[in-house]
Each structure stands twice: as C-alpha cells, then as structure tokens.
Amino acid sequence: MSKITVTLGGKDYDIKLEGAFAEQFEADFKTKFNGKSTIDPKELLFAYVGKCYDNFVLETEIQTLITKIDGD
C-alpha cells in the first residue's frame, strides 16, 4: 500500500492506494503538480476539471467505438 500526503489549504490529507493504480496516481500527481505536495485549492479544482474533461473525451471515444462495432 502506498501513502501520499497532500497539504491543501494548510491541512494534511493522507491518501492510501494499492497496486498499479497507486503507482499511476503518484506519477500523474507528481506530473500535474510539478512534484509539490503542498497545493493551492484553486490548482486542485483546475486539475479536477481537467480530469473530468479527459474522462468525458474517453467516454465519447468509447461510445463511438461501440457504435462502430455494433454497426459492423
């Protein structure tokens, strides 16, 4: 199990994750926040909106592929 501590608005939060997801999350988090563990709430909000958009795009692409597969 991996534990990542993030300081947000002056308060520490521990995030505990396991397996491949933990590794991917930690790498993505370090990339997104330039290796910082103390982040501004505004930065977190923008990161969340960005991830929501990425998820929207992926869901749209999945639906397009399903439509193509069903159409064949």
N, C-alpha and C. Protein backbone atom coordinates (compact mmCIF):
# COMPACT_ATOMS: atom_id res chain seq x y z
N MET A 1 0.84 -1.18 0.00
CA MET A 1 0.00 0.00 0.00
C MET A 1 0.89 1.24 0.00
N SER A 2 0.51 2.21 -0.79
CA SER A 2 1.25 3.47 -0.87
C SER A 2 0.46 4.55 -0.14
N LYS A 3 1.19 5.43 0.52
CA LYS A 3 0.55 6.56 1.19
C LYS A 3 1.17 7.84 0.66
N ILE A 4 0.31 8.72 0.20
CA ILE A 4 0.72 10.02 -0.29
C ILE A 4 0.09 11.06 0.63
N THR A 5 0.89 11.97 1.13
CA THR A 5 0.37 13.05 1.97
C THR A 5 0.35 14.33 1.16
N VAL A 6 -0.82 14.95 1.12
CA VAL A 6 -1.00 16.19 0.37
C VAL A 6 -1.44 17.26 1.34
N THR A 7 -0.82 18.43 1.24
CA THR A 7 -1.23 19.56 2.06
C THR A 7 -2.08 20.48 1.21
N LEU A 8 -3.29 20.70 1.65
CA LEU A 8 -4.25 21.50 0.90
C LEU A 8 -4.87 22.52 1.86
N GLY A 9 -4.67 23.78 1.58
CA GLY A 9 -5.21 24.82 2.43
C GLY A 9 -4.67 24.75 3.85
N GLY A 10 -3.41 24.34 4.00
CA GLY A 10 -2.78 24.28 5.31
C GLY A 10 -3.09 23.03 6.12
N LYS A 11 -3.85 22.11 5.55
CA LYS A 11 -4.21 20.87 6.26
C LYS A 11 -3.67 19.67 5.49
N ASP A 12 -3.10 18.69 6.23
CA ASP A 12 -2.56 17.48 5.60
C ASP A 12 -3.65 16.44 5.41
N TYR A 13 -3.59 15.80 4.24
CA TYR A 13 -4.51 14.70 3.92
C TYR A 13 -3.67 13.52 3.46
N ASP A 14 -3.92 12.35 4.05
CA ASP A 14 -3.25 11.13 3.64
C ASP A 14 -4.14 10.38 2.67
N ILE A 15 -3.54 9.98 1.56
CA ILE A 15 -4.24 9.20 0.55
C ILE A 15 -3.55 7.84 0.49
N LYS A 16 -4.30 6.78 0.75
CA LYS A 16 -3.75 5.43 0.75
C LYS A 16 -4.31 4.67 -0.46
N LEU A 17 -3.41 4.16 -1.28
CA LEU A 17 -3.79 3.45 -2.50
C LEU A 17 -2.98 2.18 -2.63
N GLU A 18 -3.46 1.25 -3.47
CA GLU A 18 -2.75 -0.01 -3.65
C GLU A 18 -2.52 -0.31 -5.13
N GLY A 19 -1.49 -1.13 -5.36
CA GLY A 19 -1.24 -1.71 -6.67
C GLY A 19 -0.85 -0.74 -7.76
N ALA A 20 -1.20 -1.17 -8.97
CA ALA A 20 -0.84 -0.40 -10.17
C ALA A 20 -1.49 0.98 -10.16
N PHE A 21 -2.71 1.07 -9.61
CA PHE A 21 -3.37 2.37 -9.55
C PHE A 21 -2.57 3.34 -8.69
N ALA A 22 -2.02 2.85 -7.58
CA ALA A 22 -1.22 3.70 -6.70
C ALA A 22 -0.02 4.27 -7.45
N GLU A 23 0.65 3.42 -8.21
CA GLU A 23 1.82 3.85 -8.98
C GLU A 23 1.43 4.89 -10.03
N GLN A 24 0.35 4.62 -10.74
CA GLN A 24 -0.11 5.54 -11.78
C GLN A 24 -0.56 6.87 -11.18
N PHE A 25 -1.29 6.80 -10.08
CA PHE A 25 -1.77 8.02 -9.42
C PHE A 25 -0.61 8.88 -8.97
N GLU A 26 0.36 8.26 -8.32
CA GLU A 26 1.50 9.02 -7.80
C GLU A 26 2.29 9.69 -8.93
N ALA A 27 2.51 8.95 -10.02
CA ALA A 27 3.23 9.52 -11.16
C ALA A 27 2.44 10.68 -11.78
N ASP A 28 1.14 10.48 -11.94
CA ASP A 28 0.29 11.51 -12.54
C ASP A 28 0.22 12.74 -11.63
N PHE A 29 0.11 12.51 -10.33
CA PHE A 29 0.04 13.60 -9.35
C PHE A 29 1.33 14.43 -9.38
N LYS A 30 2.47 13.74 -9.41
CA LYS A 30 3.76 14.44 -9.44
C LYS A 30 3.90 15.27 -10.72
N THR A 31 3.44 14.71 -11.83
CA THR A 31 3.50 15.43 -13.11
C THR A 31 2.58 16.65 -13.08
N LYS A 32 1.36 16.43 -12.64
CA LYS A 32 0.36 17.51 -12.65
C LYS A 32 0.75 18.67 -11.74
N PHE A 33 1.33 18.36 -10.58
CA PHE A 33 1.65 19.40 -9.60
C PHE A 33 3.15 19.64 -9.46
N ASN A 34 3.91 19.26 -10.47
CA ASN A 34 5.35 19.52 -10.53
C ASN A 34 6.10 19.04 -9.28
N GLY A 35 5.71 17.87 -8.77
CA GLY A 35 6.40 17.28 -7.64
C GLY A 35 6.08 17.89 -6.29
N LYS A 36 5.17 18.87 -6.25
CA LYS A 36 4.82 19.52 -4.97
C LYS A 36 3.85 18.64 -4.19
N SER A 37 3.93 18.70 -2.88
CA SER A 37 2.94 18.02 -2.05
C SER A 37 2.01 19.04 -1.38
N THR A 38 2.38 20.32 -1.45
CA THR A 38 1.51 21.40 -0.96
C THR A 38 0.93 22.10 -2.17
N ILE A 39 -0.39 22.05 -2.26
CA ILE A 39 -1.05 22.64 -3.43
C ILE A 39 -2.15 23.60 -2.98
N ASP A 40 -2.43 24.53 -3.85
CA ASP A 40 -3.46 25.53 -3.63
C ASP A 40 -4.82 24.92 -4.02
N PRO A 41 -5.89 25.22 -3.29
CA PRO A 41 -7.21 24.68 -3.66
C PRO A 41 -7.60 24.99 -5.10
N LYS A 42 -7.19 26.15 -5.61
CA LYS A 42 -7.51 26.51 -6.99
C LYS A 42 -6.83 25.55 -7.96
N GLU A 43 -5.57 25.18 -7.66
CA GLU A 43 -4.86 24.21 -8.50
C GLU A 43 -5.58 22.86 -8.51
N LEU A 44 -6.05 22.45 -7.34
CA LEU A 44 -6.75 21.17 -7.25
C LEU A 44 -8.06 21.21 -8.04
N LEU A 45 -8.76 22.31 -7.95
CA LEU A 45 -10.01 22.46 -8.69
C LEU A 45 -9.77 22.38 -10.19
N PHE A 46 -8.75 23.09 -10.68
CA PHE A 46 -8.44 23.04 -12.11
C PHE A 46 -8.01 21.64 -12.54
N ALA A 47 -7.26 20.96 -11.69
CA ALA A 47 -6.85 19.59 -12.01
C ALA A 47 -8.07 18.67 -12.09
N TYR A 48 -9.00 18.85 -11.16
CA TYR A 48 -10.22 18.04 -11.17
C TYR A 48 -11.04 18.28 -12.44
N VAL A 49 -11.20 19.54 -12.80
CA VAL A 49 -11.95 19.86 -14.02
C VAL A 49 -11.26 19.25 -15.24
N GLY A 50 -9.93 19.32 -15.27
CA GLY A 50 -9.18 18.72 -16.37
C GLY A 50 -9.38 17.22 -16.46
N LYS A 51 -9.36 16.54 -15.31
CA LYS A 51 -9.59 15.09 -15.29
C LYS A 51 -11.01 14.75 -15.71
N CYS A 52 -11.97 15.57 -15.30
CA CYS A 52 -13.36 15.35 -15.73
C CYS A 52 -13.48 15.48 -17.25
N TYR A 53 -12.78 16.45 -17.81
CA TYR A 53 -12.81 16.63 -19.26
C TYR A 53 -12.17 15.44 -19.95
N ASP A 54 -11.02 14.98 -19.42
CA ASP A 54 -10.36 13.80 -20.00
C ASP A 54 -11.30 12.60 -19.98
N ASN A 55 -12.01 12.43 -18.87
CA ASN A 55 -12.96 11.33 -18.75
C ASN A 55 -14.09 11.47 -19.77
N PHE A 56 -14.58 12.68 -19.96
CA PHE A 56 -15.63 12.95 -20.94
C PHE A 56 -15.18 12.56 -22.34
N VAL A 57 -13.97 12.95 -22.70
CA VAL A 57 -13.43 12.64 -24.02
C VAL A 57 -13.30 11.12 -24.19
N LEU A 58 -12.78 10.44 -23.18
CA LEU A 58 -12.63 8.99 -23.26
C LEU A 58 -13.99 8.29 -23.40
N GLU A 59 -14.97 8.73 -22.62
CA GLU A 59 -16.31 8.14 -22.71
C GLU A 59 -16.92 8.36 -24.10
N THR A 60 -16.70 9.53 -24.66
CA THR A 60 -17.19 9.82 -26.00
C THR A 60 -16.53 8.90 -27.03
N GLU A 61 -15.21 8.71 -26.91
CA GLU A 61 -14.49 7.83 -27.82
C GLU A 61 -14.95 6.38 -27.67
N ILE A 62 -15.20 5.95 -26.45
CA ILE A 62 -15.70 4.59 -26.22
C ILE A 62 -17.05 4.40 -26.88
N GLN A 63 -17.94 5.36 -26.70
CA GLN A 63 -19.26 5.26 -27.32
C GLN A 63 -19.17 5.23 -28.84
N THR A 64 -18.26 6.00 -29.41
CA THR A 64 -18.05 6.00 -30.85
C THR A 64 -17.58 4.62 -31.32
N LEU A 65 -16.64 4.04 -30.59
CA LEU A 65 -16.15 2.70 -30.94
C LEU A 65 -17.24 1.64 -30.81
N ILE A 66 -18.05 1.74 -29.77
CA ILE A 66 -19.14 0.78 -29.59
C ILE A 66 -20.12 0.88 -30.74
N THR A 67 -20.42 2.10 -31.16
CA THR A 67 -21.34 2.31 -32.28
C THR A 67 -20.77 1.70 -33.56
N LYS A 68 -19.46 1.88 -33.79
CA LYS A 68 -18.81 1.32 -34.97
C LYS A 68 -18.82 -0.19 -34.93
N ILE A 69 -18.54 -0.77 -33.77
CA ILE A 69 -18.52 -2.23 -33.64
C ILE A 69 -19.92 -2.80 -33.84
N ASP A 70 -20.93 -2.17 -33.26
CA ASP A 70 -22.30 -2.64 -33.41
C ASP A 70 -22.81 -2.49 -34.83
N GLY A 71 -22.26 -1.52 -35.55
CA GLY A 71 -22.70 -1.27 -36.91
C GLY A 71 -22.14 -2.24 -37.93
N ASP A 72 -21.08 -2.96 -37.56
CA ASP A 72 -20.45 -3.90 -38.50
C ASP A 72 -21.18 -5.19 -38.61
